[in-house]
Amino acid sequence: MNLMNRNKIGVVGFSTFVNGNLVFKVNGSFEHNDIIQRYWDKKCAHLHEDCIVSEDASLIVDTVPANNEYGYELRLLAVWNNAQRKFRYEYDDVGMEAEYMGLVVGLEGTSDTDTSDICPSCSKGNLIPMYDEHPNWIKFCRYCDFRTDNSEYSPLPY
């Protein structure tokens, strides 16, 4: 079975035979937080009329990384119910339970440094807020003591 584009998460729109293979058309690409709602809201995907599968056949629609940042692997199973002539969806995941329990998967080596905050003077340090409270739009570099007031973020009218 052709799993279509393995870089996308999508909702099964319809399926049909193409050159003798059962092919699912996958529509869209969604962020991690939208996946469960979009999958479970999709209650029925109709088969093309000439596409026949055996009763209770489990078909893996897609197995894709949902969010490379967190290292999730998602599987959406579409199980064909011959009596009702429609699919039942089963959502399975690896990693979502870990996130729910407060565990972070795959982020140990990831730096949360924003490249836009690299010091323009020395390029070694990052611009960090000088104060915890206002005026917190003033940033400085710990390496070279470069300072910027970032006045465009200032709440003051002047």
N, C-alpha and C. Protein backbone atom coordinates (compact mmCIF):
# COMPACT_ATOMS: atom_id res chain seq x y z
N MET A 1 0.85 -1.18 0.00
CA MET A 1 0.00 0.00 0.00
C MET A 1 0.89 1.24 0.00
N ASN A 2 0.52 2.17 -0.79
CA ASN A 2 1.25 3.42 -0.87
C ASN A 2 0.82 4.32 0.28
N LEU A 3 1.76 4.74 1.11
CA LEU A 3 1.42 5.58 2.25
C LEU A 3 1.50 7.06 1.92
N MET A 4 1.55 7.39 0.66
CA MET A 4 1.57 8.77 0.21
C MET A 4 2.82 9.48 0.74
N ASN A 5 2.70 10.73 1.01
CA ASN A 5 3.83 11.54 1.46
C ASN A 5 4.04 11.33 2.96
N ARG A 6 5.16 10.72 3.34
CA ARG A 6 5.40 10.39 4.74
C ARG A 6 5.78 11.61 5.57
N ASN A 7 5.89 12.77 4.96
CA ASN A 7 6.21 13.98 5.70
C ASN A 7 4.97 14.75 6.12
N LYS A 8 3.80 14.21 5.86
CA LYS A 8 2.58 14.94 6.18
C LYS A 8 1.72 14.15 7.15
N ILE A 9 1.02 14.89 7.96
CA ILE A 9 -0.05 14.34 8.77
C ILE A 9 -1.31 14.79 8.09
N GLY A 10 -2.26 13.92 7.92
CA GLY A 10 -3.45 14.38 7.22
C GLY A 10 -4.67 13.59 7.59
N VAL A 11 -5.79 14.03 7.09
CA VAL A 11 -7.06 13.37 7.28
C VAL A 11 -7.35 12.59 6.01
N VAL A 12 -7.84 11.37 6.19
CA VAL A 12 -8.17 10.56 5.02
C VAL A 12 -9.39 11.16 4.34
N GLY A 13 -9.24 11.55 3.10
CA GLY A 13 -10.36 12.12 2.37
C GLY A 13 -11.16 11.04 1.67
N PHE A 14 -10.49 10.21 0.88
CA PHE A 14 -11.15 9.10 0.21
C PHE A 14 -10.09 8.11 -0.19
N SER A 15 -10.52 6.95 -0.62
CA SER A 15 -9.57 5.93 -1.04
C SER A 15 -10.07 5.31 -2.34
N THR A 16 -9.16 4.73 -3.06
CA THR A 16 -9.51 4.10 -4.32
C THR A 16 -8.40 3.14 -4.72
N PHE A 17 -8.67 2.33 -5.72
CA PHE A 17 -7.63 1.47 -6.27
C PHE A 17 -6.88 2.23 -7.36
N VAL A 18 -5.57 2.20 -7.29
CA VAL A 18 -4.73 2.75 -8.33
C VAL A 18 -3.74 1.67 -8.70
N ASN A 19 -3.81 1.20 -9.92
CA ASN A 19 -2.95 0.10 -10.38
C ASN A 19 -3.02 -1.10 -9.45
N GLY A 20 -4.20 -1.42 -8.97
CA GLY A 20 -4.38 -2.59 -8.12
C GLY A 20 -4.05 -2.38 -6.66
N ASN A 21 -3.58 -1.19 -6.29
CA ASN A 21 -3.24 -0.92 -4.89
C ASN A 21 -4.30 -0.02 -4.26
N LEU A 22 -4.62 -0.32 -3.01
CA LEU A 22 -5.55 0.53 -2.28
C LEU A 22 -4.78 1.77 -1.83
N VAL A 23 -5.20 2.93 -2.29
CA VAL A 23 -4.48 4.16 -2.02
C VAL A 23 -5.39 5.13 -1.28
N PHE A 24 -4.88 5.67 -0.18
CA PHE A 24 -5.61 6.68 0.56
C PHE A 24 -5.09 8.05 0.17
N LYS A 25 -6.00 8.94 -0.09
CA LYS A 25 -5.61 10.32 -0.37
C LYS A 25 -5.53 11.05 0.96
N VAL A 26 -4.38 11.63 1.25
CA VAL A 26 -4.16 12.32 2.52
C VAL A 26 -4.21 13.82 2.26
N ASN A 27 -5.08 14.49 2.97
CA ASN A 27 -5.29 15.92 2.75
C ASN A 27 -4.74 16.74 3.90
N GLY A 28 -3.89 17.70 3.59
CA GLY A 28 -3.47 18.67 4.58
C GLY A 28 -2.28 18.28 5.41
N SER A 29 -1.77 19.23 6.12
CA SER A 29 -0.66 19.05 7.03
C SER A 29 -0.96 19.89 8.26
N PHE A 30 -0.93 19.26 9.43
CA PHE A 30 -1.42 19.93 10.62
C PHE A 30 -0.38 19.93 11.73
N GLU A 31 -0.49 20.88 12.64
CA GLU A 31 0.37 20.94 13.81
C GLU A 31 -0.06 19.90 14.83
N HIS A 32 0.85 19.59 15.74
CA HIS A 32 0.63 18.55 16.74
C HIS A 32 -0.66 18.74 17.53
N ASN A 33 -0.96 19.96 17.96
CA ASN A 33 -2.13 20.19 18.80
C ASN A 33 -3.45 19.99 18.08
N ASP A 34 -3.43 20.04 16.76
CA ASP A 34 -4.66 19.88 15.99
C ASP A 34 -4.94 18.44 15.61
N ILE A 35 -3.98 17.56 15.79
CA ILE A 35 -4.09 16.23 15.22
C ILE A 35 -5.25 15.43 15.79
N ILE A 36 -5.34 15.34 17.10
CA ILE A 36 -6.38 14.50 17.70
C ILE A 36 -7.76 15.01 17.31
N GLN A 37 -7.99 16.28 17.44
CA GLN A 37 -9.30 16.82 17.14
C GLN A 37 -9.65 16.60 15.66
N ARG A 38 -8.71 16.84 14.79
CA ARG A 38 -9.01 16.69 13.37
C ARG A 38 -9.24 15.23 13.01
N TYR A 39 -8.48 14.33 13.59
CA TYR A 39 -8.70 12.92 13.28
C TYR A 39 -10.04 12.44 13.82
N TRP A 40 -10.33 12.75 15.05
CA TRP A 40 -11.55 12.21 15.65
C TRP A 40 -12.79 12.92 15.16
N ASP A 41 -12.69 14.15 14.67
CA ASP A 41 -13.84 14.82 14.07
C ASP A 41 -14.19 14.21 12.72
N LYS A 42 -13.23 13.55 12.12
CA LYS A 42 -13.46 12.94 10.81
C LYS A 42 -14.08 11.57 11.03
N LYS A 43 -15.39 11.50 11.10
CA LYS A 43 -16.06 10.27 11.50
C LYS A 43 -16.21 9.28 10.36
N CYS A 44 -16.28 9.75 9.14
CA CYS A 44 -16.58 8.83 8.05
C CYS A 44 -15.82 9.24 6.79
N ALA A 45 -15.06 8.32 6.27
CA ALA A 45 -14.42 8.53 4.97
C ALA A 45 -14.95 7.45 4.05
N HIS A 46 -15.55 7.83 2.97
CA HIS A 46 -16.22 6.85 2.11
C HIS A 46 -15.24 6.25 1.12
N LEU A 47 -15.41 4.97 0.91
CA LEU A 47 -14.62 4.29 -0.10
C LEU A 47 -15.14 4.63 -1.49
N HIS A 48 -14.24 4.64 -2.42
CA HIS A 48 -14.66 4.72 -3.82
C HIS A 48 -15.49 3.48 -4.11
N GLU A 49 -16.51 3.57 -4.93
CA GLU A 49 -17.47 2.47 -5.09
C GLU A 49 -16.83 1.17 -5.54
N ASP A 50 -15.80 1.24 -6.36
CA ASP A 50 -15.21 -0.01 -6.85
C ASP A 50 -14.09 -0.53 -5.96
N CYS A 51 -13.91 0.07 -4.80
CA CYS A 51 -12.87 -0.36 -3.87
C CYS A 51 -13.49 -1.25 -2.80
N ILE A 52 -13.10 -2.49 -2.76
CA ILE A 52 -13.67 -3.45 -1.81
C ILE A 52 -12.54 -4.02 -0.96
N VAL A 53 -12.72 -4.02 0.34
CA VAL A 53 -11.74 -4.65 1.23
C VAL A 53 -12.46 -5.67 2.09
N SER A 54 -11.70 -6.59 2.65
CA SER A 54 -12.32 -7.63 3.47
C SER A 54 -12.85 -7.06 4.77
N GLU A 55 -13.76 -7.77 5.40
CA GLU A 55 -14.40 -7.30 6.62
C GLU A 55 -13.38 -7.13 7.74
N ASP A 56 -13.47 -6.02 8.46
CA ASP A 56 -12.59 -5.70 9.59
C ASP A 56 -11.11 -5.72 9.22
N ALA A 57 -10.81 -5.31 8.02
CA ALA A 57 -9.41 -5.23 7.62
C ALA A 57 -8.80 -3.97 8.21
N SER A 58 -7.66 -4.12 8.88
CA SER A 58 -6.97 -2.96 9.45
C SER A 58 -6.00 -2.43 8.41
N LEU A 59 -6.14 -1.18 8.09
CA LEU A 59 -5.29 -0.56 7.08
C LEU A 59 -4.54 0.59 7.72
N ILE A 60 -3.22 0.55 7.67
CA ILE A 60 -2.45 1.67 8.21
C ILE A 60 -2.50 2.79 7.18
N VAL A 61 -3.12 3.87 7.56
CA VAL A 61 -3.26 4.99 6.65
C VAL A 61 -1.95 5.76 6.56
N ASP A 62 -1.34 6.02 7.68
CA ASP A 62 -0.11 6.79 7.67
C ASP A 62 0.66 6.55 8.96
N THR A 63 1.95 6.49 8.87
CA THR A 63 2.82 6.46 10.04
C THR A 63 3.87 7.52 9.79
N VAL A 64 3.75 8.61 10.53
CA VAL A 64 4.59 9.77 10.24
C VAL A 64 5.05 10.42 11.53
N PRO A 65 6.15 11.16 11.50
CA PRO A 65 6.51 11.95 12.67
C PRO A 65 5.59 13.16 12.74
N ALA A 66 4.89 13.30 13.85
CA ALA A 66 3.94 14.40 13.97
C ALA A 66 4.65 15.71 14.22
N ASN A 67 5.69 15.65 15.02
CA ASN A 67 6.39 16.87 15.36
C ASN A 67 7.83 16.47 15.64
N ASN A 68 8.72 16.74 14.71
CA ASN A 68 10.10 16.30 14.86
C ASN A 68 10.76 16.86 16.11
N GLU A 69 10.30 18.02 16.55
CA GLU A 69 10.88 18.64 17.74
C GLU A 69 10.68 17.75 18.97
N TYR A 70 9.55 17.09 19.05
CA TYR A 70 9.27 16.24 20.21
C TYR A 70 9.49 14.76 19.93
N GLY A 71 9.77 14.40 18.70
CA GLY A 71 10.06 13.02 18.38
C GLY A 71 8.86 12.10 18.40
N TYR A 72 7.69 12.61 18.11
CA TYR A 72 6.51 11.75 18.11
C TYR A 72 6.44 10.93 16.84
N GLU A 73 5.88 9.74 16.97
CA GLU A 73 5.52 8.96 15.80
C GLU A 73 4.05 8.65 15.94
N LEU A 74 3.27 9.00 14.94
CA LEU A 74 1.83 8.80 15.01
C LEU A 74 1.39 7.75 14.01
N ARG A 75 0.37 7.01 14.40
CA ARG A 75 -0.23 6.05 13.49
C ARG A 75 -1.73 6.25 13.53
N LEU A 76 -2.33 6.34 12.38
CA LEU A 76 -3.78 6.40 12.29
C LEU A 76 -4.24 5.16 11.55
N LEU A 77 -5.02 4.31 12.22
CA LEU A 77 -5.54 3.11 11.59
C LEU A 77 -6.96 3.38 11.14
N ALA A 78 -7.25 3.01 9.92
CA ALA A 78 -8.62 3.07 9.42
C ALA A 78 -9.11 1.64 9.29
N VAL A 79 -10.08 1.27 10.09
CA VAL A 79 -10.60 -0.10 10.08
C VAL A 79 -11.94 -0.09 9.36
N TRP A 80 -12.02 -0.85 8.28
CA TRP A 80 -13.23 -0.87 7.46
C TRP A 80 -14.29 -1.75 8.10
N ASN A 81 -15.47 -1.19 8.33
CA ASN A 81 -16.61 -1.93 8.85
C ASN A 81 -17.51 -2.25 7.66
N ASN A 82 -17.53 -3.53 7.27
CA ASN A 82 -18.26 -3.92 6.06
C ASN A 82 -19.76 -3.75 6.22
N ALA A 83 -20.29 -3.97 7.44
CA ALA A 83 -21.73 -3.85 7.66
C ALA A 83 -22.19 -2.41 7.52
N GLN A 84 -21.43 -1.49 8.07
CA GLN A 84 -21.80 -0.07 8.01
C GLN A 84 -21.25 0.63 6.77
N ARG A 85 -20.39 -0.05 6.03
CA ARG A 85 -19.78 0.49 4.82
C ARG A 85 -19.03 1.80 5.10
N LYS A 86 -18.30 1.83 6.20
CA LYS A 86 -17.49 3.02 6.50
C LYS A 86 -16.31 2.62 7.36
N PHE A 87 -15.37 3.55 7.51
CA PHE A 87 -14.19 3.33 8.32
C PHE A 87 -14.42 3.72 9.76
N ARG A 88 -13.77 3.01 10.64
CA ARG A 88 -13.66 3.41 12.04
C ARG A 88 -12.20 3.79 12.23
N TYR A 89 -11.95 4.93 12.86
CA TYR A 89 -10.58 5.39 13.01
C TYR A 89 -10.05 5.05 14.39
N GLU A 90 -8.82 4.59 14.43
CA GLU A 90 -8.13 4.33 15.69
C GLU A 90 -6.84 5.12 15.66
N TYR A 91 -6.70 5.99 16.63
CA TYR A 91 -5.52 6.85 16.72
C TYR A 91 -4.56 6.25 17.72
N ASP A 92 -3.32 6.10 17.33
CA ASP A 92 -2.30 5.54 18.21
C ASP A 92 -1.09 6.47 18.14
N ASP A 93 -0.42 6.63 19.26
CA ASP A 93 0.74 7.51 19.24
C ASP A 93 1.83 6.96 20.14
N VAL A 94 3.03 7.44 19.88
CA VAL A 94 4.19 7.17 20.71
C VAL A 94 4.70 8.53 21.15
N GLY A 95 4.71 8.79 22.45
CA GLY A 95 5.25 10.06 22.94
C GLY A 95 4.22 10.99 23.53
N MET A 96 2.96 10.89 23.12
CA MET A 96 1.96 11.82 23.63
C MET A 96 1.72 11.60 25.12
N GLU A 97 1.72 10.35 25.56
CA GLU A 97 1.52 10.07 26.99
C GLU A 97 2.67 10.65 27.80
N ALA A 98 3.87 10.58 27.27
CA ALA A 98 5.02 11.14 27.97
C ALA A 98 4.87 12.65 28.14
N GLU A 99 4.34 13.32 27.12
CA GLU A 99 4.14 14.76 27.23
C GLU A 99 3.07 15.06 28.28
N TYR A 100 2.01 14.26 28.28
CA TYR A 100 0.92 14.46 29.24
C TYR A 100 1.43 14.33 30.67
N MET A 101 2.36 13.40 30.88
CA MET A 101 2.90 13.17 32.22
C MET A 101 4.00 14.17 32.57
N GLY A 102 4.27 15.10 31.70
CA GLY A 102 5.27 16.13 32.00
C GLY A 102 6.66 15.77 31.56
N LEU A 103 6.82 14.67 30.86
CA LEU A 103 8.13 14.27 30.37
C LEU A 103 8.32 14.88 28.99
N VAL A 104 9.50 15.37 28.72
CA VAL A 104 9.78 15.94 27.42
C VAL A 104 10.59 14.93 26.63
N VAL A 105 10.12 14.61 25.44
CA VAL A 105 10.75 13.59 24.62
C VAL A 105 11.60 14.26 23.54
N GLY A 106 12.87 13.95 23.51
CA GLY A 106 13.72 14.39 22.42
C GLY A 106 14.19 15.82 22.47
N LEU A 107 14.07 16.49 23.59
CA LEU A 107 14.50 17.89 23.65
C LEU A 107 15.77 18.09 24.46
N GLU A 108 16.40 17.00 24.93
CA GLU A 108 17.54 17.16 25.82
C GLU A 108 18.67 17.95 25.17
N GLY A 109 18.94 17.70 23.89
CA GLY A 109 20.05 18.38 23.24
C GLY A 109 19.65 19.62 22.47
N THR A 110 18.42 20.03 22.59
CA THR A 110 17.93 21.17 21.81
C THR A 110 18.16 22.46 22.57
N SER A 111 18.81 23.38 21.92
CA SER A 111 19.02 24.69 22.53
C SER A 111 17.79 25.55 22.28
N ASP A 112 17.34 26.23 23.32
CA ASP A 112 16.16 27.09 23.15
C ASP A 112 16.56 28.54 22.87
N THR A 113 17.78 28.73 22.36
CA THR A 113 18.27 30.06 22.05
C THR A 113 17.67 30.55 20.74
N ASP A 114 17.13 31.73 20.77
CA ASP A 114 16.59 32.35 19.56
C ASP A 114 17.73 33.02 18.82
N THR A 115 17.92 32.67 17.55
CA THR A 115 19.05 33.23 16.80
C THR A 115 18.90 34.73 16.58
N SER A 116 17.70 35.26 16.72
CA SER A 116 17.53 36.70 16.54
C SER A 116 18.10 37.48 17.72
N ASP A 117 18.41 36.81 18.84
CA ASP A 117 18.95 37.48 20.02
C ASP A 117 20.47 37.36 20.13
N ILE A 118 21.14 36.94 19.07
CA ILE A 118 22.60 36.87 19.09
C ILE A 118 23.15 38.30 19.07
N CYS A 119 24.15 38.52 19.88
CA CYS A 119 24.74 39.85 20.01
C CYS A 119 25.30 40.33 18.66
N PRO A 120 24.87 41.50 18.19
CA PRO A 120 25.39 42.00 16.91
C PRO A 120 26.82 42.54 17.01
N SER A 121 27.30 42.74 18.22
CA SER A 121 28.63 43.30 18.40
C SER A 121 29.71 42.22 18.39
N CYS A 122 29.54 41.18 19.21
CA CYS A 122 30.59 40.15 19.32
C CYS A 122 30.19 38.81 18.70
N SER A 123 28.92 38.57 18.48
CA SER A 123 28.38 37.32 17.93
C SER A 123 28.65 36.11 18.81
N LYS A 124 29.14 36.31 20.01
CA LYS A 124 29.41 35.19 20.92
C LYS A 124 28.30 35.00 21.93
N GLY A 125 27.77 36.09 22.40
CA GLY A 125 26.74 36.03 23.44
C GLY A 125 25.35 36.26 22.89
N ASN A 126 24.40 36.11 23.77
CA ASN A 126 23.01 36.37 23.44
C ASN A 126 22.54 37.60 24.19
N LEU A 127 21.67 38.35 23.56
CA LEU A 127 21.09 39.52 24.22
C LEU A 127 20.01 39.04 25.17
N ILE A 128 20.21 39.33 26.45
CA ILE A 128 19.24 38.91 27.46
C ILE A 128 18.70 40.15 28.17
N PRO A 129 17.49 40.06 28.71
CA PRO A 129 16.93 41.22 29.41
C PRO A 129 17.80 41.63 30.59
N MET A 130 18.01 42.91 30.74
CA MET A 130 18.84 43.42 31.82
C MET A 130 18.12 43.32 33.16
N TYR A 131 16.82 43.49 33.14
CA TYR A 131 16.04 43.46 34.38
C TYR A 131 14.93 42.41 34.26
N ASP A 132 14.57 41.85 35.40
CA ASP A 132 13.47 40.89 35.41
C ASP A 132 12.13 41.59 35.21
N GLU A 133 12.04 42.80 35.67
CA GLU A 133 10.81 43.56 35.50
C GLU A 133 11.11 44.78 34.64
N HIS A 134 10.17 45.68 34.51
CA HIS A 134 10.37 46.86 33.66
C HIS A 134 11.53 47.69 34.19
N PRO A 135 12.38 48.23 33.33
CA PRO A 135 12.27 48.20 31.87
C PRO A 135 12.94 46.96 31.28
N ASN A 136 12.17 45.91 31.06
CA ASN A 136 12.75 44.64 30.59
C ASN A 136 13.00 44.63 29.09
N TRP A 137 12.73 45.72 28.37
CA TRP A 137 13.06 45.76 26.95
C TRP A 137 14.52 46.11 26.74
N ILE A 138 15.24 46.48 27.81
CA ILE A 138 16.67 46.75 27.69
C ILE A 138 17.40 45.42 27.77
N LYS A 139 18.22 45.14 26.74
CA LYS A 139 18.95 43.87 26.69
C LYS A 139 20.45 44.14 26.65
N PHE A 140 21.22 43.15 27.13
CA PHE A 140 22.67 43.30 27.11
C PHE A 140 23.33 41.96 26.83
N CYS A 141 24.61 42.02 26.46
CA CYS A 141 25.40 40.83 26.18
C CYS A 141 26.38 40.62 27.33
N ARG A 142 26.44 39.42 27.87
CA ARG A 142 27.34 39.12 28.99
C ARG A 142 28.81 39.09 28.57
N TYR A 143 29.06 38.84 27.28
CA TYR A 143 30.44 38.74 26.81
C TYR A 143 31.08 40.11 26.61
N CYS A 144 30.41 40.98 25.88
CA CYS A 144 31.04 42.26 25.51
C CYS A 144 30.34 43.47 26.12
N ASP A 145 29.30 43.25 26.90
CA ASP A 145 28.54 44.31 27.57
C ASP A 145 27.84 45.25 26.58
N PHE A 146 27.59 44.74 25.37
CA PHE A 146 26.80 45.52 24.41
C PHE A 146 25.38 45.67 24.96
N ARG A 147 24.81 46.85 24.80
CA ARG A 147 23.46 47.12 25.32
C ARG A 147 22.59 47.71 24.22
N THR A 148 21.36 47.33 24.27
CA THR A 148 20.37 47.88 23.36
C THR A 148 19.11 48.20 24.15
N ASP A 149 18.47 49.27 23.78
CA ASP A 149 17.27 49.63 24.53
C ASP A 149 16.00 49.05 23.90
N ASN A 150 16.11 48.52 22.67
CA ASN A 150 14.93 47.95 22.00
C ASN A 150 13.72 48.84 22.18
N SER A 151 13.89 50.10 21.85
CA SER A 151 12.84 51.08 22.12
C SER A 151 11.52 50.78 21.42
N GLU A 152 11.56 49.95 20.37
CA GLU A 152 10.29 49.62 19.72
C GLU A 152 9.40 48.76 20.61
N TYR A 153 9.99 48.12 21.63
CA TYR A 153 9.21 47.33 22.59
C TYR A 153 8.85 48.11 23.85
N SER A 154 9.31 49.32 23.92
CA SER A 154 9.08 50.12 25.11
C SER A 154 7.61 50.53 25.23
N PRO A 155 7.03 50.38 26.41
CA PRO A 155 5.64 50.81 26.60
C PRO A 155 5.52 52.31 26.80
N LEU A 156 6.66 52.99 26.91
CA LEU A 156 6.63 54.44 27.11
C LEU A 156 6.28 55.16 25.81
N PRO A 157 5.54 56.26 25.88
CA PRO A 157 5.10 56.94 24.66
C PRO A 157 6.17 57.78 23.98
N TYR A 158 7.36 57.90 24.53
CA TYR A 158 8.41 58.73 23.93
C TYR A 158 9.62 57.90 23.56
